[in-house]
Amino acid sequence: MSAVLVVDDDSAIRTVVAQALRRAGHDVVTAASLADLDRALAIAVPDVLITDVILPDGDGIDHLATITARHPSLPLIVLSAQNTLTTAVRANTAGAYEYLPKPFDLDDLTRAVAGAVARTAPDLDTGPAEDPAIPLIGRSPAMQDVYRVIARVVSNDLTVLISGESGTGKELVARAIHDLGARRAAPFVAINMAAIPRELIEAELFGHERGAFTGAAQRNAGRFEQAAGGTLFLDEIGDMPMEAQTRLLRVLQSGEFTTVGGARTIRTDVRIVAATNRDLGLLVASGQFREDLFYRLNVVPITLPALRDRRQDVPLLARHFLDHAAAQGLPRRQLSSAALATLAAYDWPGNVRELENAMRRLAVLARDDVIGDSALAEFIGGGGSVADHHDRDIGAAVRQLIDRIAGERPGALDDGTLYARVIGDVERPLIEAVLARHGGNQLRAARALGINRNTLRKRLDSLGIDPGADDEAGGEGDGLR
């Protein structure tokens, strides 16, 4: 039986956690403050320590340095309602075996305790932790997962592959990994593969000698040399041409390269972080991306969620962007609760980048200091009418549906069934929405759809839709009955 010490000033959390861990076979002692924690450790050192961050008499993470100095092999698990990247990094830097944001899943905590018991915690760096302003914002569960991975990779040089839709903040994640890591004093150099002509990519990456090609009037250092000692961020890696992929693979394997037109071997010392908005697995399957390079890059994968998949972060991001705009001298604006709810309900096909641009546009062009729900239409979706926004939303939904069908099996888009499948998927929500709009009255719904009511009934039966009450006494008298 393993001994676990649980420290939290919330008695309900202490009780629930203690009950769950006891059911898992652990002996549990609880404490409500740092003073209680120290007294418990003076009596007996547990196998695992679980602590909250904000306690009545101090900061739990700050206190970990004292604890680990006395008990360097004690595994630490940090719980926190301050669900920010900085908190996750502070916990990891202080030597925490695991960091769990509140609210947490008891099963996740139980598994973390079991893992901590099964191994000895690594040597801990108890030096002062920096607290930089990292522009990654969000407290949703999806972002907490991202923070936890970042916190684990900042202390090493493992290659990271960041995937996610355009505008989700892939370069921000790359910069956070650099700025929080041991290479932060060295350069962070970014190169966008999609923005460079194919014939120039190798010269951009590895540099070139004078006369290496027409127009090469002098020697130029490439991005690998420019990033020496620091981090090289390879953005849109999925757009890299095959010949450049081959040379990049050799560099990752050997750590050496030569400039274009050069003969001298140059030893590279950079951390590689790559990013893509494309599915590299599909590119590998179609022969457009080297499988061996994919595995070299995909050592630590980080998948950034689309903004529509973390809607609870939208109000926090919107306020942040408005505050940032005001700090740059633009008028200070605020959003009403209804406006924030509307922003959260919008799908944001351009993700965080689109939201940031919308808030800057709002800061410049809004007529009132407090923006209500009705005033948002001209600022979201690039401006324009509400109908324009709906058209864009429908178009995005159809594209997502086609992507889903394409991913189900090879050749799904080439078997002649795509039209029927898309129409079939759209038909059901269309009929359900029209029925709901007319209170279940099939006569009125059929008229709105422009079809015979008998046809509507057949479609209801075929799709398995329960129409609910059919009010045929609607006074329509148009002969459809």
Protein backbone atom coordinates (compact mmCIF):
# COMPACT_ATOMS: atom_id res chain seq x y z
CA MET A 1 0.00 0.00 0.00
CA SER A 2 1.42 3.38 -1.05
CA ALA A 3 1.16 6.49 1.11
CA VAL A 4 -0.17 9.66 -0.56
CA LEU A 5 -0.27 13.14 0.98
CA VAL A 6 -2.98 15.40 -0.51
CA VAL A 7 -2.72 19.17 0.12
CA ASP A 8 -5.66 21.41 -0.82
CA ASP A 9 -7.51 24.14 1.05
CA ASP A 10 -10.85 22.97 -0.40
CA SER A 11 -12.24 20.33 1.96
CA ALA A 12 -14.54 18.93 -0.74
CA ILE A 13 -11.60 18.31 -3.07
CA ARG A 14 -9.58 16.71 -0.26
CA THR A 15 -12.48 14.38 0.54
CA VAL A 16 -13.21 13.35 -3.05
CA VAL A 17 -9.54 12.80 -3.91
CA ALA A 18 -8.90 10.85 -0.70
CA GLN A 19 -11.91 8.59 -1.33
CA ALA A 20 -10.84 7.90 -4.93
CA LEU A 21 -7.24 7.10 -3.96
CA ARG A 22 -8.31 4.89 -1.06
CA ARG A 23 -10.55 2.94 -3.43
CA ALA A 24 -7.44 2.48 -5.59
CA GLY A 25 -5.63 0.94 -2.61
CA HIS A 26 -3.59 3.88 -1.31
CA ASP A 27 -3.17 5.13 2.25
CA VAL A 28 -4.11 8.83 2.19
CA VAL A 29 -3.27 11.71 4.53
CA THR A 30 -4.67 15.19 3.85
CA ALA A 31 -3.53 18.73 4.68
CA ALA A 32 -5.13 22.14 4.15
CA SER A 33 -2.07 24.45 4.15
CA LEU A 34 1.68 24.58 3.69
CA ALA A 35 2.12 24.53 7.46
CA ASP A 36 0.02 21.36 7.66
CA LEU A 37 2.09 19.93 4.79
CA ASP A 38 5.37 20.56 6.61
CA ARG A 39 4.03 19.02 9.82
CA ALA A 40 2.88 15.92 7.90
CA LEU A 41 6.29 15.55 6.22
CA ALA A 42 8.01 15.84 9.61
CA ILE A 43 6.02 12.82 10.78
CA ALA A 44 6.37 10.63 7.69
CA VAL A 45 7.47 11.08 4.06
CA PRO A 46 4.78 9.75 1.68
CA ASP A 47 5.34 7.88 -1.57
CA VAL A 48 3.58 10.66 -3.52
CA LEU A 49 2.76 14.29 -2.73
CA ILE A 50 -0.26 15.98 -4.39
CA THR A 51 -0.51 19.72 -3.82
CA ASP A 52 -2.65 22.65 -4.93
CA VAL A 53 -0.91 25.87 -6.00
CA ILE A 54 -2.86 28.58 -4.17
CA LEU A 55 -2.93 27.77 -0.45
CA PRO A 56 -3.86 30.00 2.51
CA ASP A 57 -0.25 30.51 3.59
CA GLY A 58 1.63 30.54 0.30
CA ASP A 59 2.26 29.20 -3.18
CA GLY A 60 2.48 25.42 -3.46
CA ILE A 61 4.83 25.49 -6.45
CA ASP A 62 7.23 27.92 -4.74
CA HIS A 63 7.29 25.58 -1.75
CA LEU A 64 8.30 22.59 -3.88
CA ALA A 65 11.93 23.76 -3.99
CA THR A 66 12.17 23.43 -0.21
CA ILE A 67 10.50 20.02 -0.30
CA THR A 68 12.67 18.60 -3.08
CA ALA A 69 15.85 19.86 -1.39
CA ARG A 70 14.94 17.69 1.61
CA HIS A 71 13.28 14.82 -0.27
CA PRO A 72 14.73 14.71 -3.80
CA SER A 73 13.13 11.35 -4.69
CA LEU A 74 9.58 12.33 -3.66
CA PRO A 75 7.28 12.38 -6.75
CA LEU A 76 5.17 15.54 -6.92
CA ILE A 77 1.79 16.06 -8.57
CA VAL A 78 0.52 19.64 -8.89
CA LEU A 79 -3.17 20.59 -9.11
CA SER A 80 -4.19 24.11 -10.09
CA ALA A 81 -7.20 26.21 -11.03
CA GLN A 82 -4.76 28.72 -12.57
CA ASN A 83 -4.91 26.93 -15.90
CA THR A 84 -2.27 28.87 -17.80
CA LEU A 85 0.86 27.84 -19.70
CA THR A 86 2.99 29.68 -17.14
CA THR A 87 1.57 27.55 -14.30
CA ALA A 88 2.20 24.34 -16.22
CA VAL A 89 5.79 25.38 -16.97
CA ARG A 90 6.40 26.48 -13.35
CA ALA A 91 5.17 23.11 -12.12
CA ASN A 92 7.36 21.23 -14.59
CA THR A 93 10.42 23.40 -13.85
CA ALA A 94 9.93 22.81 -10.13
CA GLY A 95 10.17 19.10 -10.81
CA ALA A 96 6.54 18.02 -10.78
CA TYR A 97 5.97 14.49 -12.05
CA GLU A 98 2.54 15.55 -13.33
CA TYR A 99 0.45 18.71 -13.62
CA LEU A 100 -3.35 18.46 -13.66
CA PRO A 101 -5.52 21.54 -14.21
CA LYS A 102 -8.77 21.88 -12.30
CA PRO A 103 -11.36 20.54 -12.84
CA PHE A 104 -9.50 17.26 -13.30
CA ASP A 105 -10.65 13.71 -13.94
CA LEU A 106 -10.24 11.43 -10.92
CA ASP A 107 -9.20 8.59 -13.21
CA ASP A 108 -6.39 10.76 -14.61
CA LEU A 109 -5.24 11.56 -11.07
CA THR A 110 -5.37 7.92 -10.03
CA ARG A 111 -3.31 6.93 -13.07
CA ALA A 112 -0.79 9.70 -12.34
CA VAL A 113 -0.38 8.47 -8.75
CA ALA A 114 0.12 4.90 -9.97
CA GLY A 115 2.76 6.09 -12.45
CA ALA A 116 4.53 8.18 -9.80
CA VAL A 117 4.64 5.24 -7.41
CA ALA A 118 6.05 2.98 -10.13
CA ARG A 119 9.11 5.12 -10.81
CA THR A 120 11.57 7.37 -9.03
CA ALA A 121 11.27 11.07 -9.77
CA PRO A 122 14.22 12.51 -11.77
CA ASP A 123 16.77 14.91 -10.32
CA LEU A 124 15.16 18.31 -10.00
CA ASP A 125 16.35 21.75 -10.99
CA THR A 126 15.35 23.91 -8.04
CA GLY A 127 16.79 27.10 -9.48
CA PRO A 128 14.62 30.16 -10.02
CA ALA A 129 11.97 29.78 -12.69
CA GLU A 130 11.32 32.57 -15.15
CA ASP A 131 7.83 33.86 -15.57
CA PRO A 132 7.80 35.32 -19.11
CA ALA A 133 4.73 36.77 -20.78
CA ILE A 134 3.87 34.00 -23.22
CA PRO A 135 1.11 35.00 -25.69
CA LEU A 136 -0.68 31.64 -25.49
CA ILE A 137 -4.08 32.16 -23.96
CA GLY A 138 -6.79 29.67 -23.07
CA ARG A 139 -8.02 27.62 -20.14
CA SER A 140 -10.01 25.02 -22.05
CA PRO A 141 -9.16 21.32 -21.56
CA ALA A 142 -7.79 21.21 -25.11
CA MET A 143 -5.30 23.99 -24.37
CA GLN A 144 -4.37 22.43 -21.04
CA ASP A 145 -3.24 19.36 -22.96
CA VAL A 146 -1.06 21.60 -25.15
CA TYR A 147 0.42 23.36 -22.12
CA ARG A 148 1.33 20.07 -20.49
CA VAL A 149 3.25 18.88 -23.57
CA ILE A 150 5.07 22.22 -23.89
CA ALA A 151 6.02 22.06 -20.22
CA ARG A 152 7.57 18.63 -20.78
CA VAL A 153 9.64 19.56 -23.86
CA VAL A 154 11.16 22.91 -22.81
CA SER A 155 13.82 21.14 -20.73
CA ASN A 156 15.15 19.04 -23.62
CA ASP A 157 16.08 19.33 -27.31
CA LEU A 158 13.64 16.79 -28.78
CA THR A 159 12.27 17.65 -32.22
CA VAL A 160 8.67 18.86 -32.10
CA LEU A 161 6.03 18.69 -34.84
CA ILE A 162 3.11 21.10 -34.38
CA SER A 163 -0.02 20.46 -36.41
CA GLY A 164 -3.23 22.43 -36.65
CA GLU A 165 -5.36 24.56 -38.94
CA SER A 166 -4.10 27.91 -40.21
CA GLY A 167 -4.43 30.62 -37.59
CA THR A 168 -4.36 28.34 -34.54
CA GLY A 169 -1.05 29.75 -33.24
CA LYS A 170 1.58 27.23 -34.31
CA GLU A 171 4.39 29.79 -34.38
CA LEU A 172 3.38 31.03 -30.91
CA VAL A 173 3.82 27.49 -29.60
CA ALA A 174 7.22 27.22 -31.29
CA ARG A 175 8.29 30.52 -29.75
CA ALA A 176 7.05 29.42 -26.32
CA ILE A 177 9.13 26.25 -26.55
CA HIS A 178 12.17 28.37 -27.45
CA ASP A 179 11.60 31.21 -24.96
CA LEU A 180 11.05 28.85 -22.04
CA GLY A 181 13.94 26.52 -22.87
CA ALA A 182 17.69 26.52 -22.35
CA ARG A 183 18.26 28.02 -25.85
CA ARG A 184 16.25 31.18 -25.16
CA ALA A 185 19.35 33.45 -25.27
CA ALA A 186 20.18 32.23 -28.80
CA PRO A 187 18.28 33.10 -32.02
CA PHE A 188 14.79 31.92 -32.93
CA VAL A 189 14.74 31.71 -36.73
CA ALA A 190 11.60 30.93 -38.74
CA ILE A 191 11.23 29.92 -42.37
CA ASN A 192 7.94 29.37 -44.19
CA MET A 193 8.29 26.64 -46.79
CA ALA A 194 5.14 27.71 -48.63
CA ALA A 195 6.46 31.26 -49.15
CA ILE A 196 9.77 30.40 -50.85
CA PRO A 197 10.20 29.35 -54.50
CA ARG A 198 11.06 25.67 -54.75
CA GLU A 199 14.40 26.30 -56.42
CA LEU A 200 15.54 28.60 -53.60
CA ILE A 201 14.56 26.54 -50.54
CA GLU A 202 17.92 24.73 -50.20
CA ALA A 203 19.85 28.00 -50.49
CA GLU A 204 17.56 29.59 -47.87
CA LEU A 205 18.02 26.67 -45.47
CA PHE A 206 21.70 25.91 -45.92
CA GLY A 207 23.11 29.11 -47.40
CA HIS A 208 25.11 29.50 -50.62
CA GLU A 209 28.55 30.45 -51.79
CA ARG A 210 29.38 33.30 -54.15
CA GLY A 211 28.75 32.21 -57.75
CA ALA A 212 26.77 29.11 -56.72
CA PHE A 213 24.01 30.18 -59.12
CA THR A 214 23.02 33.15 -61.26
CA GLY A 215 22.62 36.18 -59.01
CA ALA A 216 24.68 34.77 -56.11
CA ALA A 217 27.02 37.76 -55.87
CA GLN A 218 28.23 36.96 -52.36
CA ARG A 219 28.17 34.24 -49.74
CA ASN A 220 24.97 34.12 -47.71
CA ALA A 221 24.45 32.21 -44.47
CA GLY A 222 21.36 29.99 -44.47
CA ARG A 223 18.78 29.62 -41.73
CA PHE A 224 20.65 26.73 -40.10
CA GLU A 225 23.70 28.98 -39.60
CA GLN A 226 21.58 31.94 -38.53
CA ALA A 227 19.88 29.82 -35.85
CA ALA A 228 23.17 28.41 -34.45
CA GLY A 229 22.69 27.53 -30.79
CA GLY A 230 18.99 28.36 -30.96
CA THR A 231 15.78 27.11 -32.55
CA LEU A 232 14.95 26.70 -36.24
CA PHE A 233 11.20 26.80 -36.91
CA LEU A 234 10.23 25.08 -40.18
CA ASP A 235 6.72 26.35 -40.87
CA GLU A 236 4.41 24.66 -43.40
CA ILE A 237 6.81 21.72 -43.65
CA GLY A 238 4.21 19.82 -45.70
CA ASP A 239 4.90 22.18 -48.62
CA MET A 240 8.60 21.34 -48.77
CA PRO A 241 9.63 19.90 -52.17
CA MET A 242 10.85 16.30 -52.20
CA GLU A 243 14.45 17.12 -53.16
CA ALA A 244 14.78 19.52 -50.22
CA GLN A 245 13.18 16.91 -47.93
CA THR A 246 15.98 14.49 -48.82
CA ARG A 247 18.69 16.98 -47.90
CA LEU A 248 16.92 18.02 -44.68
CA LEU A 249 16.71 14.36 -43.67
CA ARG A 250 20.46 13.97 -44.11
CA VAL A 251 21.08 17.00 -41.91
CA LEU A 252 18.79 15.68 -39.18
CA GLN A 253 20.53 12.31 -39.31
CA SER A 254 24.13 13.54 -39.36
CA GLY A 255 23.93 17.02 -37.84
CA GLU A 256 26.06 18.31 -40.71
CA PHE A 257 25.49 20.17 -44.00
CA THR A 258 27.26 22.05 -46.75
CA THR A 259 26.18 25.29 -48.35
CA VAL A 260 24.92 25.32 -51.94
CA GLY A 261 28.06 25.47 -54.05
CA GLY A 262 30.29 24.87 -51.04
CA ALA A 263 32.57 21.99 -50.04
CA ARG A 264 33.21 22.69 -46.35
CA THR A 265 31.15 20.62 -43.91
CA ILE A 266 29.36 22.72 -41.28
CA ARG A 267 28.27 21.20 -37.98
CA THR A 268 24.80 22.34 -36.94
CA ASP A 269 23.62 22.98 -33.39
CA VAL A 270 19.93 23.88 -33.55
CA ARG A 271 16.69 22.62 -32.13
CA ILE A 272 14.15 21.79 -34.83
CA VAL A 273 10.49 22.68 -34.42
CA ALA A 274 8.30 22.05 -37.48
CA ALA A 275 4.68 22.91 -38.16
CA THR A 276 2.02 22.05 -40.72
CA ASN A 277 -1.65 22.63 -41.43
CA ARG A 278 -1.72 19.52 -43.63
CA ASP A 279 -2.07 15.85 -42.72
CA LEU A 280 1.49 14.58 -43.15
CA GLY A 281 0.27 11.00 -42.77
CA LEU A 282 -1.88 11.39 -45.87
CA LEU A 283 1.01 13.09 -47.72
CA VAL A 284 3.25 10.15 -46.84
CA ALA A 285 0.61 7.70 -48.08
CA SER A 286 0.31 9.59 -51.38
CA GLY A 287 4.09 9.78 -51.88
CA GLN A 288 4.32 13.55 -51.41
CA PHE A 289 6.29 13.44 -48.15
CA ARG A 290 9.15 11.18 -47.11
CA GLU A 291 8.11 8.67 -44.49
CA ASP A 292 11.56 8.62 -42.86
CA LEU A 293 11.57 12.42 -42.60
CA PHE A 294 8.09 12.35 -41.07
CA TYR A 295 9.30 10.04 -38.30
CA ARG A 296 12.39 12.22 -37.74
CA LEU A 297 10.16 15.27 -37.26
CA ASN A 298 7.30 13.65 -35.37
CA VAL A 299 9.29 12.88 -32.21
CA VAL A 300 7.00 14.97 -29.99
CA PRO A 301 3.68 15.79 -31.69
CA ILE A 302 1.58 18.75 -30.56
CA THR A 303 -1.88 19.17 -32.09
CA LEU A 304 -3.43 22.62 -31.72
CA PRO A 305 -7.23 22.69 -31.48
CA ALA A 306 -9.30 24.83 -33.81
CA LEU A 307 -10.94 27.77 -32.07
CA ARG A 308 -14.38 26.23 -32.64
CA ASP A 309 -13.19 23.27 -30.54
CA ARG A 310 -12.35 25.49 -27.57
CA ARG A 311 -15.17 28.02 -27.62
CA GLN A 312 -14.88 28.73 -23.90
CA ASP A 313 -11.55 30.48 -24.64
CA VAL A 314 -13.09 32.95 -27.10
CA PRO A 315 -14.19 35.58 -24.51
CA LEU A 316 -10.77 35.45 -22.83
CA LEU A 317 -8.99 35.84 -26.18
CA ALA A 318 -11.33 38.62 -27.33
CA ARG A 319 -10.71 40.66 -24.18
CA HIS A 320 -6.97 40.08 -24.49
CA PHE A 321 -6.89 41.32 -28.09
CA LEU A 322 -8.95 44.41 -27.22
CA ASP A 323 -6.61 45.17 -24.28
CA HIS A 324 -3.61 44.71 -26.57
CA ALA A 325 -5.13 47.05 -29.16
CA ALA A 326 -5.72 49.68 -26.45
CA ALA A 327 -2.11 49.33 -25.28
CA GLN A 328 -1.03 50.14 -28.84
CA GLY A 329 -3.00 53.37 -28.79
CA LEU A 330 -6.27 52.26 -30.36
CA PRO A 331 -9.57 53.19 -28.66
CA ARG A 332 -10.44 51.00 -25.67
CA ARG A 333 -13.52 48.88 -26.37
CA GLN A 334 -15.55 46.47 -24.27
CA LEU A 335 -17.95 43.69 -25.22
CA SER A 336 -21.32 43.05 -23.66
CA SER A 337 -22.14 39.60 -22.30
CA ALA A 338 -24.43 38.98 -25.26
CA ALA A 339 -21.67 40.00 -27.68
CA LEU A 340 -19.22 37.63 -26.02
CA ALA A 341 -21.77 34.81 -26.32
CA THR A 342 -22.19 35.57 -30.03
CA LEU A 343 -18.44 35.52 -30.56
CA ALA A 344 -18.22 32.15 -28.82
CA ALA A 345 -21.01 30.74 -31.01
CA TYR A 346 -19.30 31.76 -34.26
CA ASP A 347 -17.16 29.03 -35.88
CA TRP A 348 -14.08 31.20 -36.64
CA PRO A 349 -12.83 29.40 -39.77
CA GLY A 350 -9.70 31.57 -39.57
CA ASN A 351 -9.21 30.55 -35.92
CA VAL A 352 -7.37 32.79 -33.44
CA ARG A 353 -5.84 34.92 -36.20
CA GLU A 354 -9.32 35.76 -37.49
CA LEU A 355 -10.51 36.65 -33.98
CA GLU A 356 -7.52 38.91 -33.41
CA ASN A 357 -8.10 40.74 -36.70
CA ALA A 358 -11.79 41.11 -35.91
CA MET A 359 -11.04 42.67 -32.52
CA ARG A 360 -8.56 45.11 -34.04
CA ARG A 361 -11.12 46.03 -36.68
CA LEU A 362 -13.70 46.52 -33.95
CA ALA A 363 -11.32 48.71 -31.91
CA VAL A 364 -10.79 51.02 -34.88
CA LEU A 365 -14.26 51.16 -36.44
CA ALA A 366 -16.82 50.60 -33.66
CA ARG A 367 -19.01 53.59 -32.91
CA ASP A 368 -19.55 52.81 -29.22
CA ASP A 369 -17.15 52.01 -26.41
CA VAL A 370 -19.32 49.08 -25.27
CA ILE A 371 -20.14 46.76 -28.16
CA GLY A 372 -23.49 44.98 -28.09
CA ASP A 373 -24.56 41.84 -29.87
CA SER A 374 -26.34 43.66 -32.70
CA ALA A 375 -23.22 45.65 -33.62
CA LEU A 376 -21.00 42.63 -34.23
CA ALA A 377 -22.13 41.65 -37.74
CA GLU A 378 -19.83 44.10 -39.52
CA PHE A 379 -16.78 42.99 -37.54
CA ILE A 380 -16.81 39.18 -37.61
CA GLY A 381 -16.18 37.06 -40.67
CA GLY A 382 -14.27 39.89 -42.32
CA GLY A 383 -17.24 42.24 -42.21
CA GLY A 384 -20.22 42.09 -44.52
CA SER A 385 -23.77 41.00 -43.88
CA VAL A 386 -24.99 38.26 -41.59
CA ALA A 387 -25.98 36.34 -44.71
CA ASP A 388 -22.38 36.49 -45.87
CA HIS A 389 -21.27 35.00 -42.57
CA HIS A 390 -23.83 32.21 -42.90
CA ASP A 391 -22.65 31.45 -46.43
CA ARG A 392 -19.09 31.18 -45.20
CA ASP A 393 -20.16 28.95 -42.31
CA ILE A 394 -22.09 26.62 -44.64
CA GLY A 395 -19.18 26.48 -47.05
CA ALA A 396 -16.81 25.60 -44.22
CA ALA A 397 -19.21 22.90 -42.99
CA VAL A 398 -19.42 21.34 -46.46
CA ARG A 399 -15.62 21.35 -46.80
CA GLN A 400 -15.30 19.66 -43.41
CA LEU A 401 -17.88 17.06 -44.45
CA ILE A 402 -15.95 16.29 -47.64
CA ASP A 403 -12.71 16.04 -45.66
CA ARG A 404 -14.37 13.57 -43.28
CA ILE A 405 -15.66 11.43 -46.16
CA ALA A 406 -12.20 11.49 -47.78
CA GLY A 407 -10.62 10.26 -44.58
CA GLU A 408 -12.97 7.29 -44.16
CA ARG A 409 -11.26 5.13 -46.78
CA PRO A 410 -9.03 5.43 -49.88
CA GLY A 411 -10.97 6.40 -53.01
CA ALA A 412 -14.03 7.63 -51.11
CA LEU A 413 -14.13 10.77 -53.26
CA ASP A 414 -13.82 8.88 -56.54
CA ASP A 415 -16.56 6.23 -56.29
CA GLY A 416 -19.39 8.38 -57.68
CA THR A 417 -21.33 8.61 -54.40
CA LEU A 418 -20.09 11.97 -53.11
CA TYR A 419 -23.10 14.04 -54.25
CA ALA A 420 -25.60 11.60 -52.77
CA ARG A 421 -23.69 11.36 -49.49
CA VAL A 422 -23.36 15.12 -49.01
CA ILE A 423 -27.00 15.76 -49.94
CA GLY A 424 -28.05 12.92 -47.64
CA ASP A 425 -26.13 14.39 -44.72
CA VAL A 426 -27.63 17.84 -45.35
CA GLU A 427 -31.21 16.61 -45.90
CA ARG A 428 -31.82 15.34 -42.39
CA PRO A 429 -30.88 18.53 -40.46
CA LEU A 430 -32.74 20.59 -43.10
CA ILE A 431 -36.00 18.68 -42.64
CA GLU A 432 -35.66 18.61 -38.85
CA ALA A 433 -35.02 22.36 -38.72
CA VAL A 434 -38.00 23.19 -40.96
CA LEU A 435 -40.30 20.90 -38.97
CA ALA A 436 -39.16 22.51 -35.73
CA ARG A 437 -39.71 25.97 -37.19
CA HIS A 438 -43.34 25.03 -37.99
CA GLY A 439 -44.06 23.27 -34.72
CA GLY A 440 -44.10 19.79 -36.28
CA ASN A 441 -46.84 20.72 -38.77
CA GLN A 442 -46.02 18.61 -41.84
CA LEU A 443 -48.33 20.58 -44.12
CA ARG A 444 -46.54 23.86 -43.45
CA ALA A 445 -43.12 22.20 -43.49
CA ALA A 446 -43.85 20.62 -46.90
CA ARG A 447 -44.95 23.98 -48.26
CA ALA A 448 -41.75 25.65 -46.95
CA LEU A 449 -39.64 22.91 -48.54
CA GLY A 450 -41.57 23.08 -51.81
CA ILE A 451 -42.46 19.39 -51.83
CA ASN A 452 -45.64 17.34 -51.58
CA ARG A 453 -46.60 16.31 -48.05
CA ASN A 454 -46.69 12.65 -49.06
CA THR A 455 -43.12 13.04 -50.29
CA LEU A 456 -42.21 14.64 -46.97
CA ARG A 457 -43.75 11.71 -45.08
CA LYS A 458 -41.75 9.24 -47.16
CA ARG A 459 -38.55 11.15 -46.43
CA LEU A 460 -39.39 11.21 -42.72
CA ASP A 461 -39.86 7.43 -42.74
CA SER A 462 -36.71 6.86 -44.79
CA LEU A 463 -34.57 9.05 -42.52
CA GLY A 464 -36.13 7.75 -39.31
CA ILE A 465 -37.26 11.21 -38.22
CA ASP A 466 -40.02 11.43 -35.61
CA PRO A 467 -42.12 14.39 -36.81
CA GLY A 468 -43.90 14.84 -33.48
CA ALA A 469 -47.39 16.28 -33.46
CA ASP A 470 -48.84 16.93 -36.92
CA ASP A 471 -51.31 19.77 -36.57
CA GLU A 472 -53.43 19.27 -39.68
CA ALA A 473 -56.04 21.77 -38.53
CA GLY A 474 -53.77 24.61 -39.47
CA GLY A 475 -56.39 26.22 -41.70
CA GLU A 476 -54.16 25.98 -44.78
CA GLY A 477 -56.70 24.28 -47.12
CA ASP A 478 -54.30 24.09 -50.08
CA GLY A 479 -55.25 20.60 -51.26
CA LEU A 480 -52.03 18.93 -50.05
CA ARG A 481 -54.07 16.80 -47.65
